[in-house]
């Protein structure tokens, strides 16, 4: 009986947030996405998340296997279902909505997001 309770307790824990950012080398939009993702994580996410940066120039097979057609692309790997955001991540509200993350986790602003010249 105790073993069943322990197993159930393990399954009750939410899986940690895992994000994967696909970039193309040091392309300016990829650099912008990296900076914005760092700011986004600091401002909006609690502890318990993991970010993986995948350079598709160095690892094209990963992009192929994961159907990445454009960079920069941010993928919420866990929890399921997978969610995807394409672009420089300049609009934090749009990123929160696209990743299906609660907006009440918003922390007070300490750093501003950077937009490229072509973004409004």
C-alpha atoms as a PDB file:
ATOM      1  CA  UNK A   1       0.000   0.000   0.000  1.00  0.00           C
ATOM      2  CA  UNK A   2       2.791   2.445   0.897  1.00  0.00           C
ATOM      3  CA  UNK A   3       4.549   1.770  -2.401  1.00  0.00           C
ATOM      4  CA  UNK A   4       1.471   2.796  -4.353  1.00  0.00           C
ATOM      5  CA  UNK A   5       1.262   6.093  -2.485  1.00  0.00           C
ATOM      6  CA  UNK A   6       4.914   6.853  -3.170  1.00  0.00           C
ATOM      7  CA  UNK A   7       4.457   6.149  -6.876  1.00  0.00           C
ATOM      8  CA  UNK A   8       1.382   8.362  -7.007  1.00  0.00           C
ATOM      9  CA  UNK A   9       3.278  11.178  -5.268  1.00  0.00           C
ATOM     10  CA  UNK A  10       6.040  10.981  -7.885  1.00  0.00           C
ATOM     11  CA  UNK A  11       3.502  11.337 -10.677  1.00  0.00           C
ATOM     12  CA  UNK A  12       1.841  14.319  -8.991  1.00  0.00           C
ATOM     13  CA  UNK A  13       4.982  16.450  -9.351  1.00  0.00           C
ATOM     14  CA  UNK A  14       4.834  18.693 -12.396  1.00  0.00           C
ATOM     15  CA  UNK A  15       7.636  17.948 -14.818  1.00  0.00           C
ATOM     16  CA  UNK A  16      10.269  20.680 -14.987  1.00  0.00           C
ATOM     17  CA  UNK A  17      10.044  23.167 -17.818  1.00  0.00           C
ATOM     18  CA  UNK A  18      12.496  22.307 -20.587  1.00  0.00           C
ATOM     19  CA  UNK A  19      13.055  24.857 -23.355  1.00  0.00           C
ATOM     20  CA  UNK A  20      15.179  24.341 -26.441  1.00  0.00           C
ATOM     21  CA  UNK A  21      16.338  27.316 -28.523  1.00  0.00           C
ATOM     22  CA  UNK A  22      17.472  26.551 -32.059  1.00  0.00           C
ATOM     23  CA  UNK A  23      19.820  29.192 -33.448  1.00  0.00           C
ATOM     24  CA  UNK A  24      21.981  29.628 -36.556  1.00  0.00           C
ATOM     25  CA  UNK A  25      25.536  30.289 -35.444  1.00  0.00           C
ATOM     26  CA  UNK A  26      26.055  33.927 -34.444  1.00  0.00           C
ATOM     27  CA  UNK A  27      23.394  35.318 -36.785  1.00  0.00           C
ATOM     28  CA  UNK A  28      22.122  38.673 -35.364  1.00  0.00           C
ATOM     29  CA  UNK A  29      18.534  37.421 -34.882  1.00  0.00           C
ATOM     30  CA  UNK A  30      19.842  34.326 -33.116  1.00  0.00           C
ATOM     31  CA  UNK A  31      21.951  36.492 -30.810  1.00  0.00           C
ATOM     32  CA  UNK A  32      18.905  38.656 -30.131  1.00  0.00           C
ATOM     33  CA  UNK A  33      16.799  35.583 -29.342  1.00  0.00           C
ATOM     34  CA  UNK A  34      19.460  34.306 -26.911  1.00  0.00           C
ATOM     35  CA  UNK A  35      19.541  37.643 -25.093  1.00  0.00           C
ATOM     36  CA  UNK A  36      15.741  37.887 -25.001  1.00  0.00           C
ATOM     37  CA  UNK A  37      15.383  34.294 -23.790  1.00  0.00           C
ATOM     38  CA  UNK A  38      17.828  34.956 -20.978  1.00  0.00           C
ATOM     39  CA  UNK A  39      15.835  38.042 -19.962  1.00  0.00           C
ATOM     40  CA  UNK A  40      12.550  36.151 -20.327  1.00  0.00           C
ATOM     41  CA  UNK A  41      13.709  33.317 -18.067  1.00  0.00           C
ATOM     42  CA  UNK A  42      15.041  35.717 -15.445  1.00  0.00           C
ATOM     43  CA  UNK A  43      11.880  37.795 -15.418  1.00  0.00           C
ATOM     44  CA  UNK A  44       9.064  35.300 -15.950  1.00  0.00           C
ATOM     45  CA  UNK A  45      10.142  31.829 -14.888  1.00  0.00           C
ATOM     46  CA  UNK A  46      10.534  30.334 -11.468  1.00  0.00           C
ATOM     47  CA  UNK A  47      13.362  27.969 -10.644  1.00  0.00           C
ATOM     48  CA  UNK A  48      13.091  24.483 -12.042  1.00  0.00           C
ATOM     49  CA  UNK A  49      13.542  25.114 -15.742  1.00  0.00           C
ATOM     50  CA  UNK A  50      16.256  24.056 -18.159  1.00  0.00           C
ATOM     51  CA  UNK A  51      17.311  25.743 -21.399  1.00  0.00           C
ATOM     52  CA  UNK A  52      19.202  23.994 -24.170  1.00  0.00           C
ATOM     53  CA  UNK A  53      20.756  26.022 -26.995  1.00  0.00           C
ATOM     54  CA  UNK A  54      21.142  24.092 -30.255  1.00  0.00           C
ATOM     55  CA  UNK A  55      23.243  25.634 -33.042  1.00  0.00           C
ATOM     56  CA  UNK A  56      21.853  24.093 -36.211  1.00  0.00           C
ATOM     57  CA  UNK A  57      24.992  25.043 -38.152  1.00  0.00           C
ATOM     58  CA  UNK A  58      26.996  22.731 -35.893  1.00  0.00           C
ATOM     59  CA  UNK A  59      24.190  20.187 -35.409  1.00  0.00           C
ATOM     60  CA  UNK A  60      22.004  20.150 -38.543  1.00  0.00           C
ATOM     61  CA  UNK A  61      20.773  16.632 -37.759  1.00  0.00           C
ATOM     62  CA  UNK A  62      19.026  17.906 -34.626  1.00  0.00           C
ATOM     63  CA  UNK A  63      17.153  20.499 -36.679  1.00  0.00           C
ATOM     64  CA  UNK A  64      16.156  17.850 -39.207  1.00  0.00           C
ATOM     65  CA  UNK A  65      15.001  15.369 -36.555  1.00  0.00           C
ATOM     66  CA  UNK A  66      12.926  18.034 -34.779  1.00  0.00           C
ATOM     67  CA  UNK A  67      11.406  19.615 -37.912  1.00  0.00           C
ATOM     68  CA  UNK A  68      13.051  23.007 -37.357  1.00  0.00           C
ATOM     69  CA  UNK A  69      12.537  25.042 -40.519  1.00  0.00           C
ATOM     70  CA  UNK A  70      13.539  28.523 -39.325  1.00  0.00           C
ATOM     71  CA  UNK A  71      15.772  30.129 -36.737  1.00  0.00           C
ATOM     72  CA  UNK A  72      15.565  31.298 -34.118  1.00  0.00           C
ATOM     73  CA  UNK A  73      12.971  28.804 -32.884  1.00  0.00           C
ATOM     74  CA  UNK A  74      12.088  28.220 -29.243  1.00  0.00           C
ATOM     75  CA  UNK A  75      10.493  24.886 -28.351  1.00  0.00           C
ATOM     76  CA  UNK A  76       8.860  23.984 -25.060  1.00  0.00           C
ATOM     77  CA  UNK A  77       9.897  20.344 -24.849  1.00  0.00           C
ATOM     78  CA  UNK A  78       8.374  19.637 -21.431  1.00  0.00           C
ATOM     79  CA  UNK A  79       5.773  19.537 -20.116  1.00  0.00           C
ATOM     80  CA  UNK A  80       3.857  18.034 -23.008  1.00  0.00           C
ATOM     81  CA  UNK A  81       2.452  18.947 -25.429  1.00  0.00           C
ATOM     82  CA  UNK A  82       5.338  20.537 -27.284  1.00  0.00           C
ATOM     83  CA  UNK A  83       4.891  24.243 -28.128  1.00  0.00           C
ATOM     84  CA  UNK A  84       6.907  26.327 -30.611  1.00  0.00           C
ATOM     85  CA  UNK A  85       7.713  30.026 -31.012  1.00  0.00           C
ATOM     86  CA  UNK A  86       9.587  31.310 -34.071  1.00  0.00           C
ATOM     87  CA  UNK A  87      11.383  34.645 -33.946  1.00  0.00           C
ATOM     88  CA  UNK A  88      13.560  36.816 -31.730  1.00  0.00           C
ATOM     89  CA  UNK A  89      11.270  36.488 -28.657  1.00  0.00           C
ATOM     90  CA  UNK A  90      10.909  40.275 -28.368  1.00  0.00           C
ATOM     91  CA  UNK A  91       7.313  40.201 -27.093  1.00  0.00           C
ATOM     92  CA  UNK A  92       7.226  38.438 -23.712  1.00  0.00           C
ATOM     93  CA  UNK A  93       3.404  38.326 -23.562  1.00  0.00           C
ATOM     94  CA  UNK A  94       3.294  36.554 -26.913  1.00  0.00           C
ATOM     95  CA  UNK A  95       5.970  34.102 -25.758  1.00  0.00           C
ATOM     96  CA  UNK A  96       4.024  33.355 -22.555  1.00  0.00           C
ATOM     97  CA  UNK A  97       0.836  32.728 -24.550  1.00  0.00           C
ATOM     98  CA  UNK A  98       2.570  30.645 -27.221  1.00  0.00           C
ATOM     99  CA  UNK A  99       4.278  28.464 -24.624  1.00  0.00           C
ATOM    100  CA  UNK A 100       1.019  28.210 -22.670  1.00  0.00           C
ATOM    101  CA  UNK A 101       2.619  29.619 -19.523  1.00  0.00           C
ATOM    102  CA  UNK A 102       0.628  31.528 -16.900  1.00  0.00           C
ATOM    103  CA  UNK A 103       1.005  35.291 -17.003  1.00  0.00           C
ATOM    104  CA  UNK A 104       0.597  35.548 -13.226  1.00  0.00           C
ATOM    105  CA  UNK A 105       4.180  34.308 -12.917  1.00  0.00           C
ATOM    106  CA  UNK A 106       5.329  37.739 -14.093  1.00  0.00           C
ATOM    107  CA  UNK A 107       8.081  39.185 -11.909  1.00  0.00           C
ATOM    108  CA  UNK A 108       8.743  42.926 -11.628  1.00  0.00           C
ATOM    109  CA  UNK A 109      10.671  44.247 -14.636  1.00  0.00           C
ATOM    110  CA  UNK A 110      14.390  44.636 -14.170  1.00  0.00           C
ATOM    111  CA  UNK A 111      15.647  44.333 -17.734  1.00  0.00           C
ATOM    112  CA  UNK A 112      14.018  45.454 -20.958  1.00  0.00           C
ATOM    113  CA  UNK A 113      13.618  43.276 -24.013  1.00  0.00           C
ATOM    114  CA  UNK A 114      15.525  44.123 -27.163  1.00  0.00           C
ATOM    115  CA  UNK A 115      13.858  44.412 -30.548  1.00  0.00           C
ATOM    116  CA  UNK A 116      15.574  44.274 -33.885  1.00  0.00           C
ATOM    117  CA  UNK A 117      15.150  47.222 -36.234  1.00  0.00           C
ATOM    118  CA  UNK A 118      12.563  45.349 -38.331  1.00  0.00           C
ATOM    119  CA  UNK A 119      10.250  44.438 -35.430  1.00  0.00           C
ATOM    120  CA  UNK A 120       7.442  46.625 -34.160  1.00  0.00           C
END
